[in-house]
Protein backbone atom coordinates (compact mmCIF):
# COMPACT_ATOMS: atom_id res chain seq x y z
CA UNK A 1 0.00 0.00 0.00
CA UNK A 2 1.34 3.39 -0.91
CA UNK A 3 1.44 6.25 1.50
CA UNK A 4 -0.16 9.65 1.15
CA UNK A 5 3.40 10.88 0.71
CA UNK A 6 3.71 8.89 -2.52
CA UNK A 7 0.35 10.18 -3.75
CA UNK A 8 1.57 13.73 -3.08
CA UNK A 9 4.79 13.11 -5.07
CA UNK A 10 2.74 11.66 -7.92
CA UNK A 11 0.43 14.67 -8.01
CA UNK A 12 3.35 17.11 -7.82
CA UNK A 13 5.07 15.29 -10.70
CA UNK A 14 1.85 15.50 -12.71
CA UNK A 15 1.98 19.27 -12.29
CA UNK A 16 5.51 19.24 -13.76
CA UNK A 17 7.66 19.24 -10.61
CA UNK A 18 10.97 17.64 -11.67
CA UNK A 19 12.10 17.11 -8.06
CA UNK A 20 8.94 15.12 -7.29
CA UNK A 21 9.42 12.97 -10.38
CA UNK A 22 13.07 12.45 -9.44
CA UNK A 23 12.05 11.13 -6.06
CA UNK A 24 9.57 8.75 -7.68
CA UNK A 25 12.15 7.66 -10.26
CA UNK A 26 14.66 6.79 -7.57
CA UNK A 27 11.99 4.99 -5.58
CA UNK A 28 11.05 2.78 -8.56
CA UNK A 29 14.39 2.49 -10.40
CA UNK A 30 15.14 -0.94 -8.91
CA UNK A 31 11.69 -2.18 -9.89
CA UNK A 32 12.31 -1.23 -13.53
CA UNK A 33 15.79 -2.73 -13.45
CA UNK A 34 14.36 -5.98 -12.09
CA UNK A 35 11.56 -6.07 -14.67
CA UNK A 36 14.00 -5.67 -17.55
CA UNK A 37 16.26 -8.36 -16.10
CA UNK A 38 13.34 -10.76 -15.66
CA UNK A 39 12.21 -10.04 -19.23
CA UNK A 40 15.56 -11.34 -20.45
CA UNK A 41 17.13 -8.05 -21.49
CA UNK A 42 20.89 -8.31 -22.00
CA UNK A 43 22.71 -7.37 -18.80
CA UNK A 44 24.72 -4.71 -20.62
CA UNK A 45 21.50 -2.97 -21.73
CA UNK A 46 19.46 -3.00 -18.52
CA UNK A 47 20.78 0.27 -17.08
CA UNK A 48 20.26 2.04 -20.43
CA UNK A 49 16.74 0.62 -20.75
CA UNK A 50 15.94 1.75 -17.21
CA UNK A 51 17.24 5.26 -17.89
CA UNK A 52 15.43 5.47 -21.23
CA UNK A 53 12.20 4.38 -19.56
CA UNK A 54 12.53 7.02 -16.86
CA UNK A 55 13.25 9.75 -19.41
CA UNK A 56 10.25 8.77 -21.52
CA UNK A 57 8.09 8.50 -18.43
CA UNK A 58 9.05 12.07 -17.44
CA UNK A 59 8.21 13.37 -20.93
CA UNK A 60 4.89 11.51 -21.10
CA UNK A 61 3.90 11.82 -17.44
CA UNK A 62 1.66 14.90 -17.83
CA UNK A 63 -0.28 13.39 -20.74
CA UNK A 64 -0.73 9.97 -19.18
CA UNK A 65 -4.35 9.23 -18.25
CA UNK A 66 -3.99 8.75 -14.53
CA UNK A 67 -6.29 6.13 -13.02
CA UNK A 68 -5.13 6.55 -9.44
CA UNK A 69 -3.09 3.40 -9.81
CA UNK A 70 -0.27 3.12 -7.29
CA UNK A 71 3.05 4.48 -8.52
CA UNK A 72 4.53 0.99 -8.37
CA UNK A 73 1.89 -0.25 -10.82
CA UNK A 74 2.38 2.72 -13.15
CA UNK A 75 6.16 2.32 -13.24
CA UNK A 76 5.81 -1.44 -13.79
CA UNK A 77 3.32 -1.09 -16.63
CA UNK A 78 4.88 1.90 -18.40
CA UNK A 79 7.73 -0.05 -20.02
CA UNK A 80 5.32 -2.78 -21.09
CA UNK A 81 2.94 -0.31 -22.73
CA UNK A 82 5.34 2.30 -24.06
CA UNK A 83 8.79 0.76 -24.52
CA UNK A 84 8.62 -2.96 -25.21
CA UNK A 85 6.04 -2.95 -28.04
CA UNK A 86 8.37 -0.74 -30.08
CA UNK A 87 11.28 -3.13 -29.67
CA UNK A 88 9.34 -6.17 -30.89
C-alpha atoms as a PDB file:
ATOM      1  CA  UNK A   1       0.000   0.000   0.000  1.00  0.00           C
ATOM      2  CA  UNK A   2       1.342   3.394  -0.915  1.00  0.00           C
ATOM      3  CA  UNK A   3       1.439   6.253   1.502  1.00  0.00           C
ATOM      4  CA  UNK A   4      -0.163   9.653   1.146  1.00  0.00           C
ATOM      5  CA  UNK A   5       3.402  10.878   0.708  1.00  0.00           C
ATOM      6  CA  UNK A   6       3.712   8.891  -2.521  1.00  0.00           C
ATOM      7  CA  UNK A   7       0.355  10.182  -3.745  1.00  0.00           C
ATOM      8  CA  UNK A   8       1.573  13.728  -3.081  1.00  0.00           C
ATOM      9  CA  UNK A   9       4.789  13.109  -5.068  1.00  0.00           C
ATOM     10  CA  UNK A  10       2.737  11.655  -7.923  1.00  0.00           C
ATOM     11  CA  UNK A  11       0.432  14.672  -8.005  1.00  0.00           C
ATOM     12  CA  UNK A  12       3.354  17.115  -7.824  1.00  0.00           C
ATOM     13  CA  UNK A  13       5.065  15.294 -10.701  1.00  0.00           C
ATOM     14  CA  UNK A  14       1.850  15.503 -12.714  1.00  0.00           C
ATOM     15  CA  UNK A  15       1.984  19.272 -12.285  1.00  0.00           C
ATOM     16  CA  UNK A  16       5.507  19.243 -13.757  1.00  0.00           C
ATOM     17  CA  UNK A  17       7.661  19.243 -10.610  1.00  0.00           C
ATOM     18  CA  UNK A  18      10.975  17.638 -11.672  1.00  0.00           C
ATOM     19  CA  UNK A  19      12.097  17.107  -8.060  1.00  0.00           C
ATOM     20  CA  UNK A  20       8.938  15.120  -7.294  1.00  0.00           C
ATOM     21  CA  UNK A  21       9.418  12.972 -10.384  1.00  0.00           C
ATOM     22  CA  UNK A  22      13.072  12.450  -9.444  1.00  0.00           C
ATOM     23  CA  UNK A  23      12.045  11.133  -6.061  1.00  0.00           C
ATOM     24  CA  UNK A  24       9.573   8.745  -7.680  1.00  0.00           C
ATOM     25  CA  UNK A  25      12.146   7.664 -10.261  1.00  0.00           C
ATOM     26  CA  UNK A  26      14.664   6.791  -7.565  1.00  0.00           C
ATOM     27  CA  UNK A  27      11.991   4.992  -5.582  1.00  0.00           C
ATOM     28  CA  UNK A  28      11.050   2.778  -8.555  1.00  0.00           C
ATOM     29  CA  UNK A  29      14.388   2.486 -10.401  1.00  0.00           C
ATOM     30  CA  UNK A  30      15.139  -0.944  -8.908  1.00  0.00           C
ATOM     31  CA  UNK A  31      11.689  -2.184  -9.889  1.00  0.00           C
ATOM     32  CA  UNK A  32      12.307  -1.230 -13.531  1.00  0.00           C
ATOM     33  CA  UNK A  33      15.792  -2.730 -13.450  1.00  0.00           C
ATOM     34  CA  UNK A  34      14.356  -5.975 -12.088  1.00  0.00           C
ATOM     35  CA  UNK A  35      11.558  -6.071 -14.675  1.00  0.00           C
ATOM     36  CA  UNK A  36      14.001  -5.668 -17.555  1.00  0.00           C
ATOM     37  CA  UNK A  37      16.262  -8.356 -16.101  1.00  0.00           C
ATOM     38  CA  UNK A  38      13.342 -10.762 -15.663  1.00  0.00           C
ATOM     39  CA  UNK A  39      12.212 -10.038 -19.228  1.00  0.00           C
ATOM     40  CA  UNK A  40      15.555 -11.345 -20.451  1.00  0.00           C
ATOM     41  CA  UNK A  41      17.128  -8.051 -21.495  1.00  0.00           C
ATOM     42  CA  UNK A  42      20.889  -8.312 -22.000  1.00  0.00           C
ATOM     43  CA  UNK A  43      22.713  -7.367 -18.797  1.00  0.00           C
ATOM     44  CA  UNK A  44      24.722  -4.711 -20.617  1.00  0.00           C
ATOM     45  CA  UNK A  45      21.502  -2.974 -21.729  1.00  0.00           C
ATOM     46  CA  UNK A  46      19.464  -3.003 -18.519  1.00  0.00           C
ATOM     47  CA  UNK A  47      20.781   0.270 -17.079  1.00  0.00           C
ATOM     48  CA  UNK A  48      20.259   2.036 -20.427  1.00  0.00           C
ATOM     49  CA  UNK A  49      16.738   0.624 -20.748  1.00  0.00           C
ATOM     50  CA  UNK A  50      15.942   1.747 -17.213  1.00  0.00           C
ATOM     51  CA  UNK A  51      17.238   5.259 -17.885  1.00  0.00           C
ATOM     52  CA  UNK A  52      15.434   5.469 -21.232  1.00  0.00           C
ATOM     53  CA  UNK A  53      12.203   4.383 -19.563  1.00  0.00           C
ATOM     54  CA  UNK A  54      12.533   7.024 -16.857  1.00  0.00           C
ATOM     55  CA  UNK A  55      13.247   9.751 -19.412  1.00  0.00           C
ATOM     56  CA  UNK A  56      10.254   8.769 -21.524  1.00  0.00           C
ATOM     57  CA  UNK A  57       8.093   8.504 -18.426  1.00  0.00           C
ATOM     58  CA  UNK A  58       9.053  12.066 -17.444  1.00  0.00           C
ATOM     59  CA  UNK A  59       8.208  13.369 -20.925  1.00  0.00           C
ATOM     60  CA  UNK A  60       4.894  11.514 -21.097  1.00  0.00           C
ATOM     61  CA  UNK A  61       3.896  11.818 -17.438  1.00  0.00           C
ATOM     62  CA  UNK A  62       1.658  14.905 -17.834  1.00  0.00           C
ATOM     63  CA  UNK A  63      -0.280  13.386 -20.744  1.00  0.00           C
ATOM     64  CA  UNK A  64      -0.725   9.970 -19.177  1.00  0.00           C
ATOM     65  CA  UNK A  65      -4.345   9.232 -18.251  1.00  0.00           C
ATOM     66  CA  UNK A  66      -3.992   8.747 -14.535  1.00  0.00           C
ATOM     67  CA  UNK A  67      -6.291   6.131 -13.021  1.00  0.00           C
ATOM     68  CA  UNK A  68      -5.128   6.552  -9.439  1.00  0.00           C
ATOM     69  CA  UNK A  69      -3.085   3.396  -9.810  1.00  0.00           C
ATOM     70  CA  UNK A  70      -0.269   3.123  -7.286  1.00  0.00           C
ATOM     71  CA  UNK A  71       3.046   4.482  -8.524  1.00  0.00           C
ATOM     72  CA  UNK A  72       4.531   0.995  -8.375  1.00  0.00           C
ATOM     73  CA  UNK A  73       1.893  -0.250 -10.817  1.00  0.00           C
ATOM     74  CA  UNK A  74       2.378   2.715 -13.150  1.00  0.00           C
ATOM     75  CA  UNK A  75       6.164   2.316 -13.241  1.00  0.00           C
ATOM     76  CA  UNK A  76       5.812  -1.435 -13.786  1.00  0.00           C
ATOM     77  CA  UNK A  77       3.321  -1.093 -16.634  1.00  0.00           C
ATOM     78  CA  UNK A  78       4.881   1.901 -18.397  1.00  0.00           C
ATOM     79  CA  UNK A  79       7.728  -0.052 -20.021  1.00  0.00           C
ATOM     80  CA  UNK A  80       5.322  -2.780 -21.090  1.00  0.00           C
ATOM     81  CA  UNK A  81       2.935  -0.315 -22.726  1.00  0.00           C
ATOM     82  CA  UNK A  82       5.343   2.299 -24.058  1.00  0.00           C
ATOM     83  CA  UNK A  83       8.786   0.763 -24.518  1.00  0.00           C
ATOM     84  CA  UNK A  84       8.618  -2.957 -25.206  1.00  0.00           C
ATOM     85  CA  UNK A  85       6.038  -2.946 -28.036  1.00  0.00           C
ATOM     86  CA  UNK A  86       8.369  -0.740 -30.084  1.00  0.00           C
ATOM     87  CA  UNK A  87      11.285  -3.128 -29.673  1.00  0.00           C
ATOM     88  CA  UNK A  88       9.338  -6.170 -30.887  1.00  0.00           C
END
